[in-house]
Amino acid sequence: MYYTYNFISIFLFLIPLLTSVNLECNEYIIINFIWLTAGFAYHLSSFMNNYEVKGIVHLFRFIDMLSIHTLIPYIIYYSTYNNYYYYTGVINVILLIGFYYFNLLIVNHNILHVIASFGVYNAVNSCYLNKDTCHLCF
């Protein structure tokens, strides 16, 4: 059952994607679409291969991890404004690093999806509040 929810929880990334569409943050639309597509491809292929990371699953996992590790620093840099949304987004990134890489607290992978999607949602809003200078919302 855990794996089914893990597969479904990837759709939480529709929240920041739809927020980006609603706020007309064009670069964020692209970034969120990349994350949703890469995450969906990895989780679906993993689900279809009984959660064994081999073959195409390995390739999709690499693409998913590459997109995460390149785009998170990119949005942190370009959404850096002195507002609540930015700081909440950064706290979410710190939580992800602590939970995923340092195992400070063992959490279900679905929780990581919740934290990450909330963090991206906050980054979009931080940029939108400053759309006159944030090129991710042009």
Protein backbone atom coordinates (compact mmCIF):
# COMPACT_ATOMS: atom_id res chain seq x y z
CA MET A 1 0.00 0.00 0.00
CA TYR A 2 2.89 2.40 0.79
CA TYR A 3 4.16 2.14 -2.76
CA THR A 4 0.76 2.97 -4.24
CA TYR A 5 0.55 6.15 -2.18
CA ASN A 6 4.15 6.96 -3.05
CA PHE A 7 3.25 6.68 -6.72
CA ILE A 8 0.12 8.80 -6.29
CA SER A 9 1.76 11.43 -4.06
CA ILE A 10 3.89 12.60 -6.99
CA PHE A 11 0.75 14.40 -8.14
CA LEU A 12 1.19 16.83 -5.23
CA PHE A 13 3.53 18.61 -7.62
CA LEU A 14 0.45 19.66 -9.58
CA ILE A 15 -0.13 22.25 -6.83
CA PRO A 16 2.96 24.37 -7.60
CA LEU A 17 2.48 23.74 -11.33
CA LEU A 18 -1.11 25.00 -11.28
CA THR A 19 -0.06 27.90 -9.03
CA SER A 20 2.58 28.82 -11.61
CA VAL A 21 -0.01 28.69 -14.38
CA ASN A 22 -2.45 30.78 -12.36
CA LEU A 23 0.18 33.41 -11.50
CA GLU A 24 1.59 33.31 -15.06
CA CYS A 25 5.09 32.46 -13.85
CA ASN A 26 6.31 31.05 -17.15
CA GLU A 27 9.72 29.72 -16.12
CA TYR A 28 8.20 28.14 -13.05
CA ILE A 29 5.68 26.41 -15.30
CA ILE A 30 8.56 24.83 -17.21
CA ILE A 31 10.47 23.89 -14.03
CA ASN A 32 7.41 22.36 -12.36
CA PHE A 33 6.49 20.49 -15.54
CA ILE A 34 10.01 19.03 -15.68
CA TRP A 35 9.77 17.89 -12.05
CA LEU A 36 6.31 16.44 -12.47
CA THR A 37 7.23 14.61 -15.67
CA ALA A 38 10.56 13.30 -14.39
CA GLY A 39 9.09 12.24 -11.05
CA PHE A 40 6.08 10.60 -12.66
CA ALA A 41 8.25 8.70 -15.17
CA TYR A 42 10.56 7.47 -12.41
CA HIS A 43 7.81 6.49 -9.97
CA LEU A 44 5.64 4.84 -12.64
CA SER A 45 8.53 2.84 -14.11
CA SER A 46 9.63 1.87 -10.62
CA PHE A 47 6.07 0.76 -9.77
CA MET A 48 5.85 -1.25 -13.00
CA ASN A 49 9.19 -2.96 -12.25
CA ASN A 50 8.30 -3.94 -8.68
CA TYR A 51 10.45 -1.13 -7.27
CA GLU A 52 13.70 -2.53 -8.61
CA VAL A 53 16.05 0.22 -9.77
CA LYS A 54 17.44 -1.26 -12.97
CA GLY A 55 17.27 -0.59 -16.69
CA ILE A 56 14.89 2.20 -17.65
CA VAL A 57 14.04 2.81 -13.98
CA HIS A 58 17.67 3.68 -13.35
CA LEU A 59 17.65 6.14 -16.26
CA PHE A 60 14.43 7.82 -15.07
CA ARG A 61 15.77 7.97 -11.51
CA PHE A 62 18.92 9.67 -12.80
CA ILE A 63 16.86 12.23 -14.75
CA ASP A 64 14.64 12.83 -11.70
CA MET A 65 17.60 13.32 -9.35
CA LEU A 66 19.44 15.50 -11.88
CA SER A 67 16.42 17.77 -12.28
CA ILE A 68 16.00 18.05 -8.52
CA HIS A 69 19.65 18.77 -7.80
CA THR A 70 20.03 21.38 -10.53
CA LEU A 71 16.69 23.17 -10.36
CA ILE A 72 16.35 23.54 -6.58
CA PRO A 73 19.52 25.68 -6.29
CA TYR A 74 18.40 27.59 -9.38
CA ILE A 75 15.00 28.52 -7.91
CA ILE A 76 16.48 29.26 -4.49
CA TYR A 77 18.90 31.69 -6.09
CA TYR A 78 16.35 33.44 -8.28
CA SER A 79 13.53 33.49 -5.71
CA THR A 80 15.64 34.97 -2.92
CA TYR A 81 13.59 37.80 -1.49
CA ASN A 82 13.07 38.89 2.08
CA ASN A 83 9.58 37.47 2.54
CA TYR A 84 7.73 34.71 4.36
CA TYR A 85 7.42 32.51 1.27
CA TYR A 86 11.15 32.47 0.58
CA TYR A 87 12.08 31.54 4.16
CA THR A 88 9.39 28.87 4.32
CA GLY A 89 10.68 27.43 1.04
CA VAL A 90 14.25 27.36 2.31
CA ILE A 91 13.13 25.65 5.53
CA ASN A 92 11.48 23.00 3.36
CA VAL A 93 14.74 22.45 1.45
CA ILE A 94 16.65 22.12 4.73
CA LEU A 95 14.08 19.59 5.96
CA LEU A 96 14.43 17.60 2.74
CA ILE A 97 18.21 17.53 3.03
CA GLY A 98 18.04 16.55 6.68
CA PHE A 99 15.45 13.80 6.18
CA TYR A 100 16.66 12.39 2.86
CA TYR A 101 20.45 12.67 3.05
CA PHE A 102 21.19 12.72 6.78
CA ASN A 103 18.28 10.61 8.05
CA LEU A 104 17.74 13.02 10.94
CA LEU A 105 14.25 11.62 11.11
CA ILE A 106 13.07 8.64 9.12
CA VAL A 107 9.93 9.69 7.26
CA ASN A 108 7.77 8.06 4.65
CA HIS A 109 8.73 9.09 1.11
CA ASN A 110 5.25 10.57 0.68
CA ILE A 111 6.12 13.12 3.37
CA LEU A 112 9.12 14.15 1.28
CA HIS A 113 6.74 14.81 -1.62
CA VAL A 114 4.53 16.96 0.64
CA ILE A 115 7.51 18.96 1.92
CA ALA A 116 8.98 19.42 -1.55
CA SER A 117 5.73 20.47 -3.21
CA PHE A 118 5.02 22.94 -0.39
CA GLY A 119 8.55 24.33 -0.74
CA VAL A 120 8.16 24.86 -4.48
CA TYR A 121 4.72 26.40 -3.94
CA ASN A 122 6.33 28.90 -1.57
CA ALA A 123 9.17 29.64 -3.98
CA VAL A 124 6.66 30.43 -6.74
CA ASN A 125 4.83 32.82 -4.43
CA SER A 126 8.07 34.48 -3.32
CA CYS A 127 8.97 35.15 -6.92
CA TYR A 128 5.47 36.34 -7.81
CA LEU A 129 5.48 38.92 -4.99
CA ASN A 130 8.60 40.33 -6.62
CA LYS A 131 7.67 39.72 -10.25
CA ASP A 132 9.10 43.06 -11.30
CA THR A 133 12.62 41.70 -10.57
CA CYS A 134 12.16 37.91 -10.54
CA HIS A 135 12.65 36.63 -14.07
CA LEU A 136 10.99 33.29 -13.23
CA CYS A 137 7.66 35.17 -13.25
CA PHE A 138 7.96 37.38 -16.29
